[in-house]
């Protein structure tokens, strides 16, 4: 499965979340660390859903960039 993630810069770190998995977040000191941590958070989140016999939300979010002339 391929889930979209959003990484946002905070004043002293980075935060990531997965729109298709509410509550699935990670915080790291760098973008690289945050990407690593969100991967683990996704796996943990999915394992928890399976353990609770809850449905796994299919990936449905899409990410696109829009270029705006400066």
N, C-alpha and C. Protein backbone atom coordinates (compact mmCIF):
# COMPACT_ATOMS: atom_id res chain seq x y z
N UNK A 1 0.85 -1.18 0.00
CA UNK A 1 0.00 0.00 0.00
C UNK A 1 0.89 1.23 0.00
N UNK A 2 0.35 2.29 -0.53
CA UNK A 2 1.10 3.54 -0.63
C UNK A 2 0.24 4.67 -0.08
N UNK A 3 0.58 5.13 1.12
CA UNK A 3 -0.16 6.21 1.76
C UNK A 3 0.55 7.54 1.55
N UNK A 4 -0.23 8.58 1.34
CA UNK A 4 0.32 9.94 1.26
C UNK A 4 0.62 10.42 2.66
N UNK A 5 1.70 11.20 2.80
CA UNK A 5 2.02 11.82 4.08
C UNK A 5 2.27 13.30 3.84
N UNK A 6 2.05 14.07 4.87
CA UNK A 6 2.30 15.51 4.82
C UNK A 6 3.34 15.80 5.89
N UNK A 7 4.39 16.51 5.50
CA UNK A 7 5.40 16.94 6.47
C UNK A 7 5.34 18.45 6.56
N UNK A 8 5.25 18.94 7.79
CA UNK A 8 5.19 20.38 8.02
C UNK A 8 6.34 20.80 8.92
N UNK A 9 6.90 21.97 8.64
CA UNK A 9 7.97 22.53 9.46
C UNK A 9 7.34 23.24 10.65
N UNK A 10 7.80 22.89 11.84
CA UNK A 10 7.41 23.58 13.07
C UNK A 10 8.59 24.44 13.50
N UNK A 11 8.42 25.27 14.52
CA UNK A 11 9.53 26.13 14.93
C UNK A 11 10.84 25.39 15.25
N UNK A 12 10.75 24.22 15.86
CA UNK A 12 11.99 23.54 16.25
C UNK A 12 12.09 22.09 15.78
N UNK A 13 11.16 21.64 14.92
CA UNK A 13 11.19 20.26 14.44
C UNK A 13 10.32 20.14 13.20
N UNK A 14 10.04 18.90 12.81
CA UNK A 14 9.14 18.60 11.70
C UNK A 14 8.06 17.67 12.20
N UNK A 15 6.86 17.80 11.67
CA UNK A 15 5.75 16.93 12.03
C UNK A 15 5.16 16.35 10.76
N UNK A 16 4.77 15.09 10.83
CA UNK A 16 4.17 14.42 9.68
C UNK A 16 2.86 13.78 10.10
N UNK A 17 1.93 13.72 9.15
CA UNK A 17 0.68 13.01 9.38
C UNK A 17 0.23 12.36 8.09
N UNK A 18 -0.68 11.39 8.22
CA UNK A 18 -1.18 10.62 7.09
C UNK A 18 -2.68 10.90 6.99
N UNK A 19 -3.12 11.62 5.96
CA UNK A 19 -4.54 12.00 5.87
C UNK A 19 -5.50 10.81 5.89
N UNK A 20 -5.10 9.68 5.35
CA UNK A 20 -5.99 8.51 5.30
C UNK A 20 -6.02 7.71 6.59
N UNK A 21 -5.14 8.05 7.54
CA UNK A 21 -5.07 7.33 8.81
C UNK A 21 -5.15 8.34 9.96
N UNK A 22 -6.33 8.81 10.29
CA UNK A 22 -6.47 9.81 11.35
C UNK A 22 -5.77 9.37 12.64
N UNK A 23 -5.00 10.28 13.21
CA UNK A 23 -4.27 10.00 14.43
C UNK A 23 -2.88 9.45 14.21
N UNK A 24 -2.52 9.16 12.97
CA UNK A 24 -1.20 8.62 12.67
C UNK A 24 -0.25 9.80 12.41
N UNK A 25 0.63 10.06 13.39
CA UNK A 25 1.53 11.20 13.30
C UNK A 25 2.94 10.81 13.74
N UNK A 26 3.90 11.64 13.39
CA UNK A 26 5.27 11.47 13.85
C UNK A 26 5.93 12.84 13.91
N UNK A 27 6.88 12.99 14.81
CA UNK A 27 7.62 14.24 14.96
C UNK A 27 9.10 13.89 15.01
N UNK A 28 9.90 14.64 14.23
CA UNK A 28 11.34 14.40 14.23
C UNK A 28 12.12 15.69 14.12
N UNK A 29 13.40 15.58 14.37
CA UNK A 29 14.28 16.75 14.31
C UNK A 29 14.60 17.16 12.88
N UNK A 30 14.59 16.20 11.97
CA UNK A 30 14.90 16.46 10.55
C UNK A 30 13.82 15.83 9.68
N UNK A 31 13.81 16.21 8.42
CA UNK A 31 12.86 15.59 7.49
C UNK A 31 13.14 14.10 7.37
N UNK A 32 14.41 13.73 7.26
CA UNK A 32 14.78 12.32 7.13
C UNK A 32 14.30 11.51 8.34
N UNK A 33 14.54 12.04 9.53
CA UNK A 33 14.09 11.34 10.74
C UNK A 33 12.57 11.24 10.77
N UNK A 34 11.89 12.30 10.39
CA UNK A 34 10.43 12.32 10.40
C UNK A 34 9.87 11.30 9.41
N UNK A 35 10.46 11.20 8.22
CA UNK A 35 10.03 10.19 7.25
C UNK A 35 10.21 8.78 7.81
N UNK A 36 11.34 8.54 8.46
CA UNK A 36 11.60 7.24 9.06
C UNK A 36 10.56 6.93 10.14
N UNK A 37 10.29 7.91 10.99
CA UNK A 37 9.35 7.71 12.09
C UNK A 37 7.91 7.54 11.61
N UNK A 38 7.51 8.24 10.56
CA UNK A 38 6.13 8.10 10.09
C UNK A 38 5.92 6.73 9.46
N UNK A 39 6.95 6.18 8.85
CA UNK A 39 6.84 4.81 8.30
C UNK A 39 6.52 3.83 9.44
N UNK A 40 7.26 3.95 10.53
CA UNK A 40 6.99 3.09 11.69
C UNK A 40 5.62 3.35 12.28
N UNK A 41 5.22 4.62 12.30
CA UNK A 41 3.90 4.96 12.84
C UNK A 41 2.78 4.35 11.99
N UNK A 42 2.96 4.37 10.69
CA UNK A 42 1.96 3.76 9.79
C UNK A 42 1.86 2.27 10.07
N UNK A 43 3.01 1.59 10.14
CA UNK A 43 3.00 0.15 10.40
C UNK A 43 2.34 -0.16 11.74
N UNK A 44 2.67 0.61 12.75
CA UNK A 44 2.09 0.41 14.09
C UNK A 44 0.58 0.66 14.06
N UNK A 45 0.16 1.72 13.37
CA UNK A 45 -1.25 2.07 13.27
C UNK A 45 -2.04 0.93 12.60
N UNK A 46 -1.49 0.42 11.50
CA UNK A 46 -2.17 -0.67 10.78
C UNK A 46 -2.23 -1.94 11.62
N UNK A 47 -1.16 -2.24 12.34
CA UNK A 47 -1.16 -3.41 13.23
C UNK A 47 -2.24 -3.27 14.30
N UNK A 48 -2.40 -2.06 14.84
CA UNK A 48 -3.43 -1.82 15.85
C UNK A 48 -4.83 -2.00 15.30
N UNK A 49 -5.05 -1.51 14.08
CA UNK A 49 -6.37 -1.69 13.46
C UNK A 49 -6.66 -3.18 13.26
N UNK A 50 -5.66 -3.92 12.78
CA UNK A 50 -5.85 -5.36 12.58
C UNK A 50 -6.13 -6.06 13.90
N UNK A 51 -5.38 -5.72 14.94
CA UNK A 51 -5.56 -6.35 16.25
C UNK A 51 -6.95 -6.09 16.82
N UNK A 52 -7.51 -4.93 16.50
CA UNK A 52 -8.85 -4.57 16.97
C UNK A 52 -9.94 -4.99 15.99
N UNK A 53 -9.57 -5.74 14.97
CA UNK A 53 -10.51 -6.20 13.93
C UNK A 53 -11.25 -5.04 13.28
N UNK A 54 -10.54 -3.95 13.07
CA UNK A 54 -11.12 -2.79 12.38
C UNK A 54 -10.66 -2.78 10.94
N UNK A 55 -11.44 -2.19 10.06
CA UNK A 55 -11.04 -2.17 8.65
C UNK A 55 -9.81 -1.28 8.42
N UNK A 56 -9.00 -1.68 7.48
CA UNK A 56 -7.83 -0.90 7.08
C UNK A 56 -8.29 0.09 6.01
N UNK A 57 -8.18 1.39 6.28
CA UNK A 57 -8.60 2.37 5.27
C UNK A 57 -7.70 2.28 4.04
N UNK A 58 -8.29 2.17 2.87
CA UNK A 58 -7.45 2.12 1.67
C UNK A 58 -6.84 3.49 1.42
N UNK A 59 -5.64 3.51 0.86
CA UNK A 59 -5.04 4.80 0.50
C UNK A 59 -5.92 5.49 -0.54
N UNK A 60 -6.30 6.73 -0.29
CA UNK A 60 -7.14 7.43 -1.26
C UNK A 60 -6.70 8.88 -1.47
N UNK A 61 -5.87 9.41 -0.58
CA UNK A 61 -5.40 10.79 -0.75
C UNK A 61 -4.39 10.88 -1.88
N UNK A 62 -4.42 11.99 -2.56
CA UNK A 62 -3.47 12.25 -3.64
C UNK A 62 -2.74 13.55 -3.35
N UNK A 63 -1.50 13.61 -3.78
CA UNK A 63 -0.71 14.81 -3.59
C UNK A 63 -0.32 15.35 -4.96
N UNK A 64 -0.59 16.61 -5.15
CA UNK A 64 -0.20 17.28 -6.39
C UNK A 64 0.33 18.65 -6.03
N UNK A 65 1.23 19.13 -6.82
CA UNK A 65 1.76 20.48 -6.62
C UNK A 65 1.29 21.38 -7.74
N UNK A 66 1.02 22.60 -7.41
CA UNK A 66 0.61 23.60 -8.38
C UNK A 66 1.71 24.65 -8.45
N UNK A 67 2.22 24.89 -9.63
CA UNK A 67 3.24 25.93 -9.82
C UNK A 67 2.57 27.26 -10.06
N UNK A 68 3.01 28.25 -9.30
CA UNK A 68 2.50 29.61 -9.42
C UNK A 68 3.68 30.50 -9.81
N UNK A 69 3.55 31.28 -10.88
CA UNK A 69 4.67 32.16 -11.25
C UNK A 69 4.99 33.14 -10.12
N UNK A 70 6.28 33.35 -9.91
CA UNK A 70 6.71 34.26 -8.84
C UNK A 70 6.56 35.71 -9.27
